PDB file of all heavy atoms in Angstrom:
ATOM      1  N   VAL A   1       4.300   3.684  -6.195  1.00  0.00           N
ATOM      2  CA  VAL A   1       2.935   3.183  -6.321  1.00  0.00           C
ATOM      3  C   VAL A   1       2.924   2.136  -7.423  1.00  0.00           C
ATOM      4  O   VAL A   1       3.376   2.393  -8.539  1.00  0.00           O
ATOM      5  CB  VAL A   1       1.943   4.316  -6.668  1.00  0.00           C
ATOM      6  CG1 VAL A   1       0.513   3.782  -6.731  1.00  0.00           C
ATOM      7  CG2 VAL A   1       2.056   5.465  -5.671  1.00  0.00           C
ATOM      8  N   ALA A   2       2.443   0.939  -7.094  1.00  0.00           N
ATOM      9  CA  ALA A   2       2.399  -0.164  -8.061  1.00  0.00           C
ATOM     10  C   ALA A   2       1.033  -0.832  -7.980  1.00  0.00           C
ATOM     11  O   ALA A   2       0.303  -0.678  -6.999  1.00  0.00           O
ATOM     12  CB  ALA A   2       3.502  -1.178  -7.757  1.00  0.00           C
ATOM     13  N   ALA A   3       0.682  -1.579  -9.008  1.00  0.00           N
ATOM     14  CA  ALA A   3      -0.594  -2.297  -9.024  1.00  0.00           C
ATOM     15  C   ALA A   3      -0.424  -3.626  -9.737  1.00  0.00           C
ATOM     16  O   ALA A   3       0.333  -3.739 -10.705  1.00  0.00           O
ATOM     17  CB  ALA A   3      -1.667  -1.464  -9.719  1.00  0.00           C
ATOM     18  N   THR A   4      -1.138  -4.620  -9.230  1.00  0.00           N
ATOM     19  CA  THR A   4      -1.192  -5.930  -9.871  1.00  0.00           C
ATOM     20  C   THR A   4      -2.650  -6.361  -9.903  1.00  0.00           C
ATOM     21  O   THR A   4      -3.469  -5.883  -9.117  1.00  0.00           O
ATOM     22  CB  THR A   4      -0.364  -6.979  -9.104  1.00  0.00           C
ATOM     23  OG1 THR A   4      -0.814  -7.036  -7.750  1.00  0.00           O
ATOM     24  CG2 THR A   4       1.113  -6.652  -9.138  1.00  0.00           C
ATOM     25  N   GLN A   5      -2.949  -7.262 -10.818  1.00  0.00           N
ATOM     26  CA  GLN A   5      -4.313  -7.764 -10.937  1.00  0.00           C
ATOM     27  C   GLN A   5      -4.282  -9.277 -11.053  1.00  0.00           C
ATOM     28  O   GLN A   5      -3.441  -9.841 -11.759  1.00  0.00           O
ATOM     29  CB  GLN A   5      -5.016  -7.159 -12.150  1.00  0.00           C
ATOM     30  CG  GLN A   5      -6.467  -7.568 -12.254  1.00  0.00           C
ATOM     31  CD  GLN A   5      -7.244  -6.715 -13.249  1.00  0.00           C
ATOM     32  OE1 GLN A   5      -6.708  -5.837 -13.900  1.00  0.00           O
ATOM     33  NE2 GLN A   5      -8.521  -6.991 -13.360  1.00  0.00           N
ATOM     34  N   SER A   6      -5.200  -9.923 -10.351  1.00  0.00           N
ATOM     35  CA  SER A   6      -5.387 -11.362 -10.437  1.00  0.00           C
ATOM     36  C   SER A   6      -6.873 -11.591 -10.638  1.00  0.00           C
ATOM     37  O   SER A   6      -7.668 -11.371  -9.713  1.00  0.00           O
ATOM     38  CB  SER A   6      -4.893 -12.040  -9.158  1.00  0.00           C
ATOM     39  OG  SER A   6      -5.135 -13.425  -9.234  1.00  0.00           O
ATOM     40  N   GLY A   7      -7.241 -11.977 -11.844  1.00  0.00           N
ATOM     41  CA  GLY A   7      -8.666 -12.080 -12.167  1.00  0.00           C
ATOM     42  C   GLY A   7      -9.277 -10.702 -12.096  1.00  0.00           C
ATOM     43  O   GLY A   7      -8.791  -9.757 -12.699  1.00  0.00           O
ATOM     44  N   SER A   8     -10.332 -10.544 -11.312  1.00  0.00           N
ATOM     45  CA  SER A   8     -10.954  -9.232 -11.166  1.00  0.00           C
ATOM     46  C   SER A   8     -10.496  -8.505  -9.905  1.00  0.00           C
ATOM     47  O   SER A   8     -10.952  -7.407  -9.612  1.00  0.00           O
ATOM     48  CB  SER A   8     -12.477  -9.369 -11.167  1.00  0.00           C
ATOM     49  OG  SER A   8     -12.879 -10.210 -10.112  1.00  0.00           O
ATOM     50  N   LYS A   9      -9.568  -9.098  -9.165  1.00  0.00           N
ATOM     51  CA  LYS A   9      -9.062  -8.476  -7.937  1.00  0.00           C
ATOM     52  C   LYS A   9      -7.817  -7.650  -8.247  1.00  0.00           C
ATOM     53  O   LYS A   9      -6.885  -8.122  -8.887  1.00  0.00           O
ATOM     54  CB  LYS A   9      -8.732  -9.536  -6.894  1.00  0.00           C
ATOM     55  CG  LYS A   9      -8.368  -8.955  -5.552  1.00  0.00           C
ATOM     56  CD  LYS A   9      -8.189 -10.052  -4.532  1.00  0.00           C
ATOM     57  CE  LYS A   9      -7.896  -9.482  -3.172  1.00  0.00           C
ATOM     58  NZ  LYS A   9      -7.763 -10.529  -2.167  1.00  0.00           N
ATOM     59  N   VAL A  10      -7.804  -6.412  -7.770  1.00  0.00           N
ATOM     60  CA  VAL A  10      -6.688  -5.493  -7.984  1.00  0.00           C
ATOM     61  C   VAL A  10      -6.041  -5.195  -6.640  1.00  0.00           C
ATOM     62  O   VAL A  10      -6.740  -4.987  -5.648  1.00  0.00           O
ATOM     63  CB  VAL A  10      -7.177  -4.174  -8.626  1.00  0.00           C
ATOM     64  CG1 VAL A  10      -6.035  -3.171  -8.748  1.00  0.00           C
ATOM     65  CG2 VAL A  10      -7.797  -4.440  -9.981  1.00  0.00           C
ATOM     66  N   LEU A  11      -4.722  -5.161  -6.620  1.00  0.00           N
ATOM     67  CA  LEU A  11      -3.968  -4.775  -5.432  1.00  0.00           C
ATOM     68  C   LEU A  11      -3.097  -3.586  -5.796  1.00  0.00           C
ATOM     69  O   LEU A  11      -2.271  -3.668  -6.708  1.00  0.00           O
ATOM     70  CB  LEU A  11      -3.093  -5.918  -4.919  1.00  0.00           C
ATOM     71  CG  LEU A  11      -2.139  -5.559  -3.763  1.00  0.00           C
ATOM     72  CD1 LEU A  11      -2.921  -5.101  -2.534  1.00  0.00           C
ATOM     73  CD2 LEU A  11      -1.241  -6.738  -3.437  1.00  0.00           C
ATOM     74  N   ILE A  12      -3.316  -2.491  -5.090  1.00  0.00           N
ATOM     75  CA  ILE A  12      -2.496  -1.299  -5.258  1.00  0.00           C
ATOM     76  C   ILE A  12      -1.614  -1.194  -4.026  1.00  0.00           C
ATOM     77  O   ILE A  12      -2.111  -1.271  -2.902  1.00  0.00           O
ATOM     78  CB  ILE A  12      -3.360  -0.043  -5.411  1.00  0.00           C
ATOM     79  CG1 ILE A  12      -4.241  -0.190  -6.654  1.00  0.00           C
ATOM     80  CG2 ILE A  12      -2.497   1.217  -5.472  1.00  0.00           C
ATOM     81  CD1 ILE A  12      -5.287   0.862  -6.793  1.00  0.00           C
ATOM     82  N   GLN A  13      -0.321  -1.022  -4.241  1.00  0.00           N
ATOM     83  CA  GLN A  13       0.620  -0.918  -3.128  1.00  0.00           C
ATOM     84  C   GLN A  13       1.396   0.384  -3.223  1.00  0.00           C
ATOM     85  O   GLN A  13       1.803   0.797  -4.315  1.00  0.00           O
ATOM     86  CB  GLN A  13       1.604  -2.080  -3.132  1.00  0.00           C
ATOM     87  CG  GLN A  13       0.950  -3.407  -2.836  1.00  0.00           C
ATOM     88  CD  GLN A  13       1.968  -4.518  -2.800  1.00  0.00           C
ATOM     89  OE1 GLN A  13       2.765  -4.659  -3.709  1.00  0.00           O
ATOM     90  NE2 GLN A  13       1.934  -5.302  -1.733  1.00  0.00           N
ATOM     91  N   MET A  14       1.582   1.008  -2.059  1.00  0.00           N
ATOM     92  CA  MET A  14       2.414   2.200  -1.953  1.00  0.00           C
ATOM     93  C   MET A  14       3.521   1.874  -0.970  1.00  0.00           C
ATOM     94  O   MET A  14       3.255   1.561   0.194  1.00  0.00           O
ATOM     95  CB  MET A  14       1.583   3.389  -1.472  1.00  0.00           C
ATOM     96  CG  MET A  14       0.492   3.758  -2.443  1.00  0.00           C
ATOM     97  SD  MET A  14      -0.443   5.202  -1.912  1.00  0.00           S
ATOM     98  CE  MET A  14      -1.742   5.189  -3.157  1.00  0.00           C
ATOM     99  N   HIS A  15       4.762   1.910  -1.454  1.00  0.00           N
ATOM    100  CA  HIS A  15       5.933   1.604  -0.632  1.00  0.00           C
ATOM    101  C   HIS A  15       6.661   2.895  -0.306  1.00  0.00           C
ATOM    102  O   HIS A  15       6.858   3.741  -1.175  1.00  0.00           O
ATOM    103  CB  HIS A  15       6.902   0.674  -1.382  1.00  0.00           C
ATOM    104  CG  HIS A  15       6.330  -0.672  -1.643  1.00  0.00           C
ATOM    105  ND1 HIS A  15       6.452  -1.708  -0.756  1.00  0.00           N
ATOM    106  CD2 HIS A  15       5.607  -1.156  -2.682  1.00  0.00           C
ATOM    107  CE1 HIS A  15       5.838  -2.775  -1.234  1.00  0.00           C
ATOM    108  NE2 HIS A  15       5.319  -2.459  -2.403  1.00  0.00           N
ATOM    109  N   ASP A  16       7.075   3.020   0.947  1.00  0.00           N
ATOM    110  CA  ASP A  16       7.783   4.207   1.398  1.00  0.00           C
ATOM    111  C   ASP A  16       8.814   3.779   2.438  1.00  0.00           C
ATOM    112  O   ASP A  16       8.476   3.154   3.435  1.00  0.00           O
ATOM    113  CB  ASP A  16       6.786   5.194   2.007  1.00  0.00           C
ATOM    114  CG  ASP A  16       7.422   6.445   2.562  1.00  0.00           C
ATOM    115  OD1 ASP A  16       8.660   6.584   2.486  1.00  0.00           O
ATOM    116  OD2 ASP A  16       6.694   7.291   3.081  1.00  0.00           O
ATOM    117  N   SER A  17      10.058   4.138   2.202  1.00  0.00           N
ATOM    118  CA  SER A  17      11.133   3.722   3.111  1.00  0.00           C
ATOM    119  C   SER A  17      11.193   4.537   4.393  1.00  0.00           C
ATOM    120  O   SER A  17      11.957   4.212   5.289  1.00  0.00           O
ATOM    121  CB  SER A  17      12.482   3.817   2.392  1.00  0.00           C
ATOM    122  OG  SER A  17      12.714   5.152   1.988  1.00  0.00           O
ATOM    123  N   SER A  18      10.379   5.588   4.518  1.00  0.00           N
ATOM    124  CA  SER A  18      10.496   6.448   5.699  1.00  0.00           C
ATOM    125  C   SER A  18       9.293   6.389   6.645  1.00  0.00           C
ATOM    126  O   SER A  18       9.271   7.122   7.626  1.00  0.00           O
ATOM    127  CB  SER A  18      10.721   7.903   5.278  1.00  0.00           C
ATOM    128  OG  SER A  18       9.534   8.449   4.751  1.00  0.00           O
ATOM    129  N   ILE A  19       8.310   5.554   6.371  1.00  0.00           N
ATOM    130  CA  ILE A  19       7.148   5.491   7.263  1.00  0.00           C
ATOM    131  C   ILE A  19       7.612   4.978   8.618  1.00  0.00           C
ATOM    132  O   ILE A  19       8.156   3.897   8.736  1.00  0.00           O
ATOM    133  CB  ILE A  19       6.040   4.577   6.697  1.00  0.00           C
ATOM    134  CG1 ILE A  19       5.422   5.194   5.451  1.00  0.00           C
ATOM    135  CG2 ILE A  19       4.954   4.351   7.755  1.00  0.00           C
ATOM    136  CD1 ILE A  19       4.371   4.322   4.782  1.00  0.00           C
ATOM    137  N   ARG A  20       7.391   5.800   9.621  1.00  0.00           N
ATOM    138  CA  ARG A  20       7.803   5.426  10.976  1.00  0.00           C
ATOM    139  C   ARG A  20       6.614   5.329  11.927  1.00  0.00           C
ATOM    140  O   ARG A  20       6.643   4.593  12.878  1.00  0.00           O
ATOM    141  CB  ARG A  20       8.786   6.461  11.542  1.00  0.00           C
ATOM    142  CG  ARG A  20      10.070   6.558  10.754  1.00  0.00           C
ATOM    143  CD  ARG A  20      10.931   5.304  10.919  1.00  0.00           C
ATOM    144  NE  ARG A  20      12.143   5.424  10.139  1.00  0.00           N
ATOM    145  CZ  ARG A  20      12.393   4.709   9.061  1.00  0.00           C
ATOM    146  NH1 ARG A  20      11.546   3.823   8.630  1.00  0.00           N
ATOM    147  NH2 ARG A  20      13.520   4.870   8.406  1.00  0.00           N
ATOM    148  N   ASN A  21       5.559   6.109  11.666  1.00  0.00           N
ATOM    149  CA  ASN A  21       4.415   6.138  12.556  1.00  0.00           C
ATOM    150  C   ASN A  21       3.242   5.408  11.912  1.00  0.00           C
ATOM    151  O   ASN A  21       2.358   6.028  11.327  1.00  0.00           O
ATOM    152  CB  ASN A  21       4.045   7.583  12.914  1.00  0.00           C
ATOM    153  CG  ASN A  21       3.060   7.658  14.040  1.00  0.00           C
ATOM    154  OD1 ASN A  21       2.387   6.686  14.365  1.00  0.00           O
ATOM    155  ND2 ASN A  21       2.956   8.830  14.635  1.00  0.00           N
ATOM    156  N   VAL A  22       3.261   4.102  12.034  1.00  0.00           N
ATOM    157  CA  VAL A  22       2.223   3.270  11.424  1.00  0.00           C
ATOM    158  C   VAL A  22       0.869   3.561  12.063  1.00  0.00           C
ATOM    159  O   VAL A  22      -0.159   3.555  11.385  1.00  0.00           O
ATOM    160  CB  VAL A  22       2.594   1.775  11.524  1.00  0.00           C
ATOM    161  CG1 VAL A  22       1.467   0.894  11.037  1.00  0.00           C
ATOM    162  CG2 VAL A  22       3.861   1.498  10.722  1.00  0.00           C
ATOM    163  N   HIS A  23       0.843   3.855  13.357  1.00  0.00           N
ATOM    164  CA  HIS A  23      -0.423   4.131  14.033  1.00  0.00           C
ATOM    165  C   HIS A  23      -1.097   5.389  13.480  1.00  0.00           C
ATOM    166  O   HIS A  23      -2.312   5.422  13.312  1.00  0.00           O
ATOM    167  CB  HIS A  23      -0.208   4.248  15.546  1.00  0.00           C
ATOM    168  CG  HIS A  23       0.258   2.969  16.168  1.00  0.00           C
ATOM    169  ND1 HIS A  23      -0.530   1.841  16.229  1.00  0.00           N
ATOM    170  CD2 HIS A  23       1.440   2.626  16.711  1.00  0.00           C
ATOM    171  CE1 HIS A  23       0.143   0.863  16.801  1.00  0.00           C
ATOM    172  NE2 HIS A  23       1.347   1.313  17.107  1.00  0.00           N
ATOM    173  N   ALA A  24      -0.320   6.432  13.180  1.00  0.00           N
ATOM    174  CA  ALA A  24      -0.876   7.645  12.579  1.00  0.00           C
ATOM    175  C   ALA A  24      -1.410   7.341  11.183  1.00  0.00           C
ATOM    176  O   ALA A  24      -2.464   7.853  10.787  1.00  0.00           O
ATOM    177  CB  ALA A  24       0.180   8.741  12.520  1.00  0.00           C
ATOM    178  N   LEU A  25      -0.701   6.505  10.443  1.00  0.00           N
ATOM    179  CA  LEU A  25      -1.138   6.114   9.106  1.00  0.00           C
ATOM    180  C   LEU A  25      -2.466   5.369   9.173  1.00  0.00           C
ATOM    181  O   LEU A  25      -3.392   5.653   8.414  1.00  0.00           O
ATOM    182  CB  LEU A  25      -0.063   5.256   8.436  1.00  0.00           C
ATOM    183  CG  LEU A  25      -0.305   4.850   6.998  1.00  0.00           C
ATOM    184  CD1 LEU A  25      -0.433   6.060   6.089  1.00  0.00           C
ATOM    185  CD2 LEU A  25       0.836   3.970   6.516  1.00  0.00           C
ATOM    186  N   ILE A  26      -2.577   4.433  10.100  1.00  0.00           N
ATOM    187  CA  ILE A  26      -3.817   3.673  10.269  1.00  0.00           C
ATOM    188  C   ILE A  26      -4.972   4.625  10.615  1.00  0.00           C
ATOM    189  O   ILE A  26      -6.068   4.522  10.064  1.00  0.00           O
ATOM    190  CB  ILE A  26      -3.654   2.592  11.359  1.00  0.00           C
ATOM    191  CG1 ILE A  26      -2.714   1.498  10.857  1.00  0.00           C
ATOM    192  CG2 ILE A  26      -5.001   1.996  11.762  1.00  0.00           C
ATOM    193  CD1 ILE A  26      -2.268   0.517  11.929  1.00  0.00           C
ATOM    194  N   SER A  27      -4.708   5.566  11.496  1.00  0.00           N
ATOM    195  CA  SER A  27      -5.729   6.535  11.893  1.00  0.00           C
ATOM    196  C   SER A  27      -6.214   7.342  10.691  1.00  0.00           C
ATOM    197  O   SER A  27      -7.415   7.563  10.519  1.00  0.00           O
ATOM    198  CB  SER A  27      -5.164   7.462  12.958  1.00  0.00           C
ATOM    199  OG  SER A  27      -6.103   8.432  13.315  1.00  0.00           O
TER     200      SER A  27
END
């Protein structure tokens, strides 16, 4: 889990090498 900020906008990212079912994640 990482985060960056540009001005007042924040981006949080979660990286996982094993995600295989993107459709289930979206759901």
